[in-house]
């Protein structure tokens, strides 16, 4: 979703003109918003990769970490 939003900001979609920062001129606003969307999408991707790695590591160790009652 954020990737698509970044692409639409990059192509200067007229539908997103109301979402531009108010202090910047139009071209810089589109560019800044597109960059922010791409950065956020990258952060989400890194988080997903880390979560998938942790799930994989935890599934490999599985039964070896069960507690035994004495």
C-alpha atoms as a PDB file:
ATOM      1  CA  UNK A   1       0.000   0.000   0.000  1.00  0.00           C
ATOM      2  CA  UNK A   2       2.747   2.432   0.915  1.00  0.00           C
ATOM      3  CA  UNK A   3       4.660   1.487  -2.217  1.00  0.00           C
ATOM      4  CA  UNK A   4       1.639   2.335  -4.348  1.00  0.00           C
ATOM      5  CA  UNK A   5       1.138   5.587  -2.494  1.00  0.00           C
ATOM      6  CA  UNK A   6       4.809   6.437  -3.088  1.00  0.00           C
ATOM      7  CA  UNK A   7       4.403   5.694  -6.795  1.00  0.00           C
ATOM      8  CA  UNK A   8       1.318   7.900  -6.982  1.00  0.00           C
ATOM      9  CA  UNK A   9       3.139  10.741  -5.220  1.00  0.00           C
ATOM     10  CA  UNK A  10       6.073  10.265  -7.621  1.00  0.00           C
ATOM     11  CA  UNK A  11       3.762  10.600 -10.614  1.00  0.00           C
ATOM     12  CA  UNK A  12       2.229  13.733  -9.050  1.00  0.00           C
ATOM     13  CA  UNK A  13      -1.295  12.336  -8.857  1.00  0.00           C
ATOM     14  CA  UNK A  14      -3.825  15.168  -8.667  1.00  0.00           C
ATOM     15  CA  UNK A  15      -5.969  13.140  -6.244  1.00  0.00           C
ATOM     16  CA  UNK A  16      -3.258  13.475  -3.577  1.00  0.00           C
ATOM     17  CA  UNK A  17      -2.774  17.239  -3.775  1.00  0.00           C
ATOM     18  CA  UNK A  18      -4.637  17.766  -0.493  1.00  0.00           C
ATOM     19  CA  UNK A  19      -2.160  15.469   1.297  1.00  0.00           C
ATOM     20  CA  UNK A  20       0.908  17.577   0.482  1.00  0.00           C
ATOM     21  CA  UNK A  21       2.741  19.480   3.232  1.00  0.00           C
ATOM     22  CA  UNK A  22       1.527  23.065   3.369  1.00  0.00           C
ATOM     23  CA  UNK A  23       4.900  24.826   3.709  1.00  0.00           C
ATOM     24  CA  UNK A  24       6.477  23.458   0.524  1.00  0.00           C
ATOM     25  CA  UNK A  25       5.936  24.192  -3.126  1.00  0.00           C
ATOM     26  CA  UNK A  26       3.989  21.549  -5.029  1.00  0.00           C
ATOM     27  CA  UNK A  27       6.888  19.729  -6.722  1.00  0.00           C
ATOM     28  CA  UNK A  28       8.946  19.480  -3.528  1.00  0.00           C
ATOM     29  CA  UNK A  29       5.877  18.364  -1.597  1.00  0.00           C
ATOM     30  CA  UNK A  30       5.213  15.483  -3.970  1.00  0.00           C
ATOM     31  CA  UNK A  31       8.866  14.450  -3.908  1.00  0.00           C
ATOM     32  CA  UNK A  32       9.082  14.616  -0.119  1.00  0.00           C
ATOM     33  CA  UNK A  33       5.867  12.664   0.389  1.00  0.00           C
ATOM     34  CA  UNK A  34       6.945   9.988  -2.102  1.00  0.00           C
ATOM     35  CA  UNK A  35      10.287   9.610  -0.327  1.00  0.00           C
ATOM     36  CA  UNK A  36       8.567   9.302   3.055  1.00  0.00           C
ATOM     37  CA  UNK A  37       6.229   6.607   1.726  1.00  0.00           C
ATOM     38  CA  UNK A  38       9.116   4.615   0.272  1.00  0.00           C
ATOM     39  CA  UNK A  39      11.060   4.868   3.545  1.00  0.00           C
ATOM     40  CA  UNK A  40       8.038   3.695   5.550  1.00  0.00           C
ATOM     41  CA  UNK A  41       7.504   0.789   3.138  1.00  0.00           C
ATOM     42  CA  UNK A  42      11.150  -0.181   3.567  1.00  0.00           C
ATOM     43  CA  UNK A  43      10.853  -0.130   7.351  1.00  0.00           C
ATOM     44  CA  UNK A  44       7.776  -2.376   7.129  1.00  0.00           C
ATOM     45  CA  UNK A  45       9.643  -4.764   4.827  1.00  0.00           C
ATOM     46  CA  UNK A  46      12.619  -5.007   7.194  1.00  0.00           C
ATOM     47  CA  UNK A  47      10.262  -5.626  10.122  1.00  0.00           C
ATOM     48  CA  UNK A  48       8.498  -8.388   8.184  1.00  0.00           C
ATOM     49  CA  UNK A  49      11.810 -10.060   7.306  1.00  0.00           C
ATOM     50  CA  UNK A  50      12.942  -9.945  10.945  1.00  0.00           C
ATOM     51  CA  UNK A  51       9.613 -11.378  12.136  1.00  0.00           C
ATOM     52  CA  UNK A  52       9.747 -14.174   9.554  1.00  0.00           C
ATOM     53  CA  UNK A  53      13.311 -14.993  10.591  1.00  0.00           C
ATOM     54  CA  UNK A  54      12.326 -15.153  14.261  1.00  0.00           C
ATOM     55  CA  UNK A  55       9.369 -17.404  13.449  1.00  0.00           C
ATOM     56  CA  UNK A  56      11.661 -19.692  11.459  1.00  0.00           C
ATOM     57  CA  UNK A  57      14.261 -19.826  14.265  1.00  0.00           C
ATOM     58  CA  UNK A  58      11.608 -20.530  16.892  1.00  0.00           C
ATOM     59  CA  UNK A  59       9.992 -23.257  14.811  1.00  0.00           C
ATOM     60  CA  UNK A  60      13.351 -25.020  14.431  1.00  0.00           C
ATOM     61  CA  UNK A  61      14.007 -25.136  18.176  1.00  0.00           C
ATOM     62  CA  UNK A  62      10.436 -26.264  18.967  1.00  0.00           C
ATOM     63  CA  UNK A  63      10.398 -29.165  21.472  1.00  0.00           C
ATOM     64  CA  UNK A  64      13.853 -28.603  22.944  1.00  0.00           C
ATOM     65  CA  UNK A  65      12.700 -25.680  25.060  1.00  0.00           C
ATOM     66  CA  UNK A  66       9.689 -27.269  26.780  1.00  0.00           C
ATOM     67  CA  UNK A  67       9.705 -27.146  30.547  1.00  0.00           C
ATOM     68  CA  UNK A  68       9.525 -30.393  32.481  1.00  0.00           C
ATOM     69  CA  UNK A  69       7.573 -30.670  35.718  1.00  0.00           C
ATOM     70  CA  UNK A  70       9.304 -32.460  38.599  1.00  0.00           C
END
